[in-house]
């Protein structure tokens, strides 16, 4: 049986971790990831799940940076939710497009 102090320590750690997460950014990133998942039906389910996970994580991490950027006279977003949504829904798409463009210019050859 666990000692009461260890249970209290785990509860405090979970609560503390919850306080460190920006809820608005997390929800925005999740929504952007869902949009990516639904829009990429042409790839396998496992690949979509992996890329959706990457999209959510990178969207959450990129939200503070994107919240301060102004692009083509639009922005800054100044809100973590919409910033995370935009980052999450675009990060994997832009990265995959860059990889495909690189492959097209090198004739499909692998680097290295």
N, C-alpha and C. Protein backbone atom coordinates (compact mmCIF):
# COMPACT_ATOMS: atom_id res chain seq x y z
N UNK A 1 0.84 -1.19 0.00
CA UNK A 1 0.00 0.00 0.00
C UNK A 1 0.88 1.24 0.00
N UNK A 2 0.55 2.19 -0.83
CA UNK A 2 1.34 3.42 -0.93
C UNK A 2 1.11 4.30 0.28
N UNK A 3 2.16 4.99 0.65
CA UNK A 3 2.04 5.92 1.76
C UNK A 3 1.23 7.13 1.31
N UNK A 4 0.50 7.75 2.25
CA UNK A 4 -0.30 8.92 1.87
C UNK A 4 0.54 10.05 1.27
N UNK A 5 1.78 10.17 1.69
CA UNK A 5 2.61 11.26 1.16
C UNK A 5 2.92 11.06 -0.32
N UNK A 6 3.10 9.82 -0.77
CA UNK A 6 3.39 9.59 -2.18
C UNK A 6 2.17 9.88 -3.05
N UNK A 7 0.99 9.55 -2.57
CA UNK A 7 -0.24 9.86 -3.30
C UNK A 7 -0.46 11.36 -3.39
N UNK A 8 -0.17 12.06 -2.32
CA UNK A 8 -0.30 13.52 -2.32
C UNK A 8 0.70 14.15 -3.27
N UNK A 9 1.89 13.58 -3.33
CA UNK A 9 2.92 14.10 -4.22
C UNK A 9 2.50 13.94 -5.68
N UNK A 10 1.94 12.79 -6.02
CA UNK A 10 1.47 12.56 -7.40
C UNK A 10 0.33 13.52 -7.73
N UNK A 11 -0.61 13.69 -6.82
CA UNK A 11 -1.73 14.61 -7.05
C UNK A 11 -1.22 16.04 -7.25
N UNK A 12 -0.26 16.45 -6.44
CA UNK A 12 0.29 17.80 -6.57
C UNK A 12 1.01 17.97 -7.90
N UNK A 13 1.72 16.95 -8.34
CA UNK A 13 2.43 17.01 -9.62
C UNK A 13 1.46 17.14 -10.78
N UNK A 14 0.36 16.38 -10.74
CA UNK A 14 -0.64 16.43 -11.81
C UNK A 14 -1.30 17.81 -11.85
N UNK A 15 -1.65 18.32 -10.69
CA UNK A 15 -2.27 19.65 -10.64
C UNK A 15 -1.29 20.71 -11.12
N UNK A 16 -0.04 20.61 -10.69
CA UNK A 16 0.98 21.56 -11.12
C UNK A 16 1.20 21.52 -12.62
N UNK A 17 1.24 20.34 -13.19
CA UNK A 17 1.41 20.22 -14.64
C UNK A 17 0.22 20.82 -15.37
N UNK A 18 -0.97 20.64 -14.83
CA UNK A 18 -2.16 21.22 -15.44
C UNK A 18 -2.15 22.73 -15.43
N UNK A 19 -1.55 23.31 -14.42
CA UNK A 19 -1.47 24.77 -14.34
C UNK A 19 -0.46 25.34 -15.32
N UNK A 20 0.48 24.53 -15.76
CA UNK A 20 1.51 24.99 -16.69
C UNK A 20 1.05 24.96 -18.14
N UNK A 21 -0.06 24.29 -18.42
CA UNK A 21 -0.54 24.16 -19.80
C UNK A 21 -1.49 25.32 -20.11
N UNK A 22 -1.27 25.96 -21.23
CA UNK A 22 -2.16 27.02 -21.69
C UNK A 22 -3.36 26.35 -22.37
N UNK A 23 -4.50 26.36 -21.73
CA UNK A 23 -5.69 25.68 -22.23
C UNK A 23 -6.16 26.18 -23.57
N UNK A 24 -6.12 27.50 -23.77
CA UNK A 24 -6.56 28.05 -25.05
C UNK A 24 -5.68 27.58 -26.20
N UNK A 25 -4.38 27.61 -25.98
CA UNK A 25 -3.45 27.15 -27.02
C UNK A 25 -3.60 25.66 -27.27
N UNK A 26 -3.82 24.88 -26.21
CA UNK A 26 -3.99 23.44 -26.36
C UNK A 26 -5.24 23.11 -27.18
N UNK A 27 -6.33 23.81 -26.92
CA UNK A 27 -7.57 23.57 -27.67
C UNK A 27 -7.40 24.02 -29.13
N UNK A 28 -6.77 25.17 -29.34
CA UNK A 28 -6.53 25.64 -30.71
C UNK A 28 -5.67 24.68 -31.49
N UNK A 29 -4.61 24.16 -30.85
CA UNK A 29 -3.73 23.20 -31.53
C UNK A 29 -4.46 21.90 -31.83
N UNK A 30 -5.29 21.45 -30.90
CA UNK A 30 -6.07 20.22 -31.13
C UNK A 30 -7.04 20.40 -32.29
N UNK A 31 -7.70 21.53 -32.36
CA UNK A 31 -8.63 21.79 -33.47
C UNK A 31 -7.90 21.84 -34.81
N UNK A 32 -6.73 22.46 -34.83
CA UNK A 32 -5.93 22.49 -36.06
C UNK A 32 -5.48 21.10 -36.46
N UNK A 33 -5.11 20.27 -35.49
CA UNK A 33 -4.72 18.90 -35.77
C UNK A 33 -5.87 18.08 -36.32
N UNK A 34 -7.06 18.31 -35.79
CA UNK A 34 -8.25 17.60 -36.29
C UNK A 34 -8.54 17.99 -37.73
N UNK A 35 -8.41 19.27 -38.04
CA UNK A 35 -8.61 19.73 -39.42
C UNK A 35 -7.62 19.03 -40.35
N UNK A 36 -6.35 18.94 -39.92
CA UNK A 36 -5.36 18.24 -40.74
C UNK A 36 -5.76 16.78 -40.93
N UNK A 37 -6.17 16.12 -39.85
CA UNK A 37 -6.53 14.70 -39.90
C UNK A 37 -7.67 14.46 -40.89
N UNK A 38 -8.69 15.29 -40.83
CA UNK A 38 -9.86 15.12 -41.70
C UNK A 38 -9.51 15.45 -43.16
N UNK A 39 -8.68 16.46 -43.37
CA UNK A 39 -8.37 16.91 -44.73
C UNK A 39 -7.38 16.01 -45.46
N UNK A 40 -6.69 15.14 -44.75
CA UNK A 40 -5.66 14.31 -45.39
C UNK A 40 -6.11 12.86 -45.51
N UNK A 41 -7.28 12.64 -46.04
CA UNK A 41 -7.85 11.31 -46.13
C UNK A 41 -7.13 10.39 -47.11
N UNK A 42 -6.28 10.94 -47.99
CA UNK A 42 -5.60 10.13 -48.99
C UNK A 42 -4.43 9.32 -48.44
N UNK A 43 -4.01 9.58 -47.23
CA UNK A 43 -2.90 8.82 -46.63
C UNK A 43 -3.43 7.86 -45.58
N UNK A 44 -2.61 6.89 -45.20
CA UNK A 44 -3.06 5.84 -44.28
C UNK A 44 -3.42 6.41 -42.91
N UNK A 45 -4.23 5.68 -42.19
CA UNK A 45 -4.71 6.13 -40.88
C UNK A 45 -3.55 6.30 -39.90
N UNK A 46 -2.57 5.40 -39.93
CA UNK A 46 -1.44 5.48 -39.00
C UNK A 46 -0.57 6.69 -39.30
N UNK A 47 -0.37 6.97 -40.57
CA UNK A 47 0.39 8.15 -40.96
C UNK A 47 -0.35 9.41 -40.56
N UNK A 48 -1.66 9.43 -40.79
CA UNK A 48 -2.46 10.59 -40.39
C UNK A 48 -2.42 10.80 -38.89
N UNK A 49 -2.48 9.72 -38.11
CA UNK A 49 -2.43 9.85 -36.66
C UNK A 49 -1.08 10.41 -36.21
N UNK A 50 0.00 9.91 -36.79
CA UNK A 50 1.33 10.40 -36.43
C UNK A 50 1.49 11.87 -36.81
N UNK A 51 1.08 12.23 -38.02
CA UNK A 51 1.21 13.62 -38.46
C UNK A 51 0.28 14.55 -37.69
N UNK A 52 -0.88 14.06 -37.27
CA UNK A 52 -1.78 14.85 -36.45
C UNK A 52 -1.15 15.12 -35.09
N UNK A 53 -0.50 14.12 -34.51
CA UNK A 53 0.20 14.31 -33.24
C UNK A 53 1.29 15.37 -33.39
N UNK A 54 2.08 15.26 -34.45
CA UNK A 54 3.12 16.26 -34.71
C UNK A 54 2.50 17.64 -34.89
N UNK A 55 1.40 17.70 -35.61
CA UNK A 55 0.71 18.96 -35.85
C UNK A 55 0.26 19.61 -34.55
N UNK A 56 -0.34 18.83 -33.67
CA UNK A 56 -0.83 19.36 -32.39
C UNK A 56 0.33 19.85 -31.53
N UNK A 57 1.36 19.04 -31.40
CA UNK A 57 2.50 19.42 -30.56
C UNK A 57 3.19 20.66 -31.11
N UNK A 58 3.49 20.67 -32.39
CA UNK A 58 4.19 21.82 -32.97
C UNK A 58 3.30 23.06 -33.02
N UNK A 59 2.01 22.88 -33.20
CA UNK A 59 1.09 24.02 -33.16
C UNK A 59 1.06 24.66 -31.79
N UNK A 60 1.06 23.82 -30.75
CA UNK A 60 1.07 24.34 -29.38
C UNK A 60 2.38 25.07 -29.08
N UNK A 61 3.48 24.46 -29.50
CA UNK A 61 4.79 25.06 -29.24
C UNK A 61 4.97 26.35 -30.05
N UNK A 62 4.43 26.40 -31.27
CA UNK A 62 4.63 27.56 -32.15
C UNK A 62 3.67 28.70 -31.88
N UNK A 63 2.64 28.48 -31.10
CA UNK A 63 1.62 29.51 -30.87
C UNK A 63 2.18 30.81 -30.33
N UNK A 64 3.06 30.81 -29.32
CA UNK A 64 3.56 32.11 -28.83
C UNK A 64 4.31 32.91 -29.89
N UNK A 65 5.07 32.22 -30.74
CA UNK A 65 5.79 32.91 -31.80
C UNK A 65 4.82 33.47 -32.84
N UNK A 66 3.85 32.69 -33.23
CA UNK A 66 2.90 33.12 -34.26
C UNK A 66 1.98 34.22 -33.76
N UNK A 67 1.73 34.25 -32.46
CA UNK A 67 0.85 35.28 -31.90
C UNK A 67 1.42 36.68 -32.04
N UNK A 68 2.72 36.80 -32.26
CA UNK A 68 3.35 38.12 -32.37
C UNK A 68 3.73 38.49 -33.79
N UNK A 69 3.51 37.62 -34.76
CA UNK A 69 3.94 37.86 -36.14
C UNK A 69 2.84 38.57 -36.93
N UNK A 70 3.27 39.47 -37.81
CA UNK A 70 2.36 40.12 -38.74
C UNK A 70 2.75 39.70 -40.15
N UNK A 71 1.80 39.11 -40.91
CA UNK A 71 2.07 38.64 -42.26
C UNK A 71 1.09 39.32 -43.21
N UNK A 72 1.63 39.98 -44.22
CA UNK A 72 0.82 40.67 -45.24
C UNK A 72 -0.20 41.61 -44.62
N UNK A 73 0.21 42.30 -43.56
CA UNK A 73 -0.67 43.25 -42.90
C UNK A 73 -1.70 42.63 -41.99
N UNK A 74 -1.67 41.31 -41.84
CA UNK A 74 -2.61 40.62 -40.96
C UNK A 74 -1.87 40.21 -39.70
N UNK A 75 -2.45 40.53 -38.57
CA UNK A 75 -1.86 40.12 -37.30
C UNK A 75 -1.39 41.32 -36.53
N UNK A 76 -0.81 41.15 -35.43
CA UNK A 76 -0.60 39.88 -34.75
C UNK A 76 -1.91 39.34 -34.17
N UNK A 77 -1.96 38.03 -33.97
CA UNK A 77 -3.18 37.40 -33.47
C UNK A 77 -3.44 37.71 -32.00
N UNK A 78 -2.39 37.83 -31.21
CA UNK A 78 -2.46 38.20 -29.79
C UNK A 78 -3.31 37.28 -28.92
N UNK A 79 -3.83 36.21 -29.47
CA UNK A 79 -4.60 35.25 -28.67
C UNK A 79 -4.02 33.87 -28.90
N UNK A 80 -3.77 33.11 -27.85
CA UNK A 80 -3.10 31.82 -28.01
C UNK A 80 -3.92 30.77 -28.75
N UNK A 81 -5.24 30.78 -28.60
CA UNK A 81 -6.07 29.77 -29.27
C UNK A 81 -6.02 29.85 -30.77
N UNK A 82 -6.37 31.01 -31.36
CA UNK A 82 -6.29 31.13 -32.81
C UNK A 82 -4.87 30.98 -33.35
N UNK A 83 -3.89 31.47 -32.62
CA UNK A 83 -2.50 31.32 -33.07
C UNK A 83 -2.11 29.85 -33.13
N UNK A 84 -2.48 29.08 -32.12
CA UNK A 84 -2.17 27.64 -32.10
C UNK A 84 -2.94 26.92 -33.20
N UNK A 85 -4.17 27.33 -33.46
CA UNK A 85 -4.96 26.71 -34.53
C UNK A 85 -4.30 26.91 -35.88
N UNK A 86 -3.89 28.15 -36.17
CA UNK A 86 -3.25 28.45 -37.45
C UNK A 86 -1.93 27.69 -37.56
N UNK A 87 -1.14 27.70 -36.50
CA UNK A 87 0.15 27.01 -36.52
C UNK A 87 -0.05 25.51 -36.69
N UNK A 88 -0.98 24.94 -35.95
CA UNK A 88 -1.21 23.50 -35.99
C UNK A 88 -1.75 23.04 -37.34
N UNK A 89 -2.65 23.81 -37.90
CA UNK A 89 -3.24 23.39 -39.17
C UNK A 89 -2.29 23.58 -40.35
N UNK A 90 -1.25 24.38 -40.17
CA UNK A 90 -0.36 24.63 -41.29
C UNK A 90 1.02 24.02 -41.20
N UNK A 91 1.48 23.68 -40.02
CA UNK A 91 2.88 23.29 -39.86
C UNK A 91 3.23 22.01 -40.64
N UNK A 92 2.41 21.00 -40.56
CA UNK A 92 2.70 19.75 -41.27
C UNK A 92 2.49 19.92 -42.77
N UNK A 93 1.46 20.64 -43.15
CA UNK A 93 1.19 20.86 -44.57
C UNK A 93 2.35 21.60 -45.24
N UNK A 94 2.84 22.65 -44.60
CA UNK A 94 3.95 23.42 -45.16
C UNK A 94 5.22 22.58 -45.20
N UNK A 95 5.47 21.82 -44.14
CA UNK A 95 6.67 20.98 -44.10
C UNK A 95 6.63 19.90 -45.18
N UNK A 96 5.49 19.23 -45.35
CA UNK A 96 5.38 18.20 -46.38
C UNK A 96 5.51 18.81 -47.78
N UNK A 97 4.97 20.01 -47.99
CA UNK A 97 5.10 20.67 -49.28
C UNK A 97 6.57 21.01 -49.56
N UNK A 98 7.29 21.45 -48.54
CA UNK A 98 8.72 21.75 -48.72
C UNK A 98 9.51 20.48 -49.04
N UNK A 99 9.18 19.38 -48.39
CA UNK A 99 9.86 18.11 -48.67
C UNK A 99 9.59 17.65 -50.10
N UNK A 100 8.33 17.75 -50.53
CA UNK A 100 7.99 17.36 -51.90
C UNK A 100 8.68 18.25 -52.92
N UNK A 101 8.76 19.55 -52.66
CA UNK A 101 9.45 20.47 -53.57
C UNK A 101 10.94 20.15 -53.64
N UNK A 102 11.53 19.83 -52.52
CA UNK A 102 12.95 19.46 -52.49
C UNK A 102 13.19 18.19 -53.29
N UNK A 103 12.31 17.21 -53.13
CA UNK A 103 12.45 15.97 -53.90
C UNK A 103 12.30 16.21 -55.38
N UNK A 104 11.39 17.11 -55.75
CA UNK A 104 11.16 17.39 -57.16
C UNK A 104 12.38 18.08 -57.79
N UNK A 105 13.05 18.94 -57.05
CA UNK A 105 14.21 19.63 -57.60
C UNK A 105 15.46 18.76 -57.65
N UNK A 106 15.51 17.71 -56.81
CA UNK A 106 16.68 16.81 -56.81
C UNK A 106 16.40 15.54 -57.61
N UNK A 107 15.28 15.49 -58.25
CA UNK A 107 14.94 14.32 -59.07
C UNK A 107 14.56 13.10 -58.25
N UNK A 108 14.10 13.33 -57.01
CA UNK A 108 13.66 12.23 -56.18
C UNK A 108 14.79 11.49 -55.48
N UNK A 109 16.01 12.01 -55.61
CA UNK A 109 17.15 11.35 -54.96
C UNK A 109 17.20 11.70 -53.48
N UNK A 110 17.60 10.72 -52.69
CA UNK A 110 17.73 10.95 -51.25
C UNK A 110 19.03 11.67 -50.98
N UNK A 111 19.00 12.54 -49.97
CA UNK A 111 20.22 13.23 -49.54
C UNK A 111 21.10 12.28 -48.76
N UNK A 112 22.40 12.52 -48.80
CA UNK A 112 23.34 11.80 -47.95
C UNK A 112 23.84 10.58 -48.56
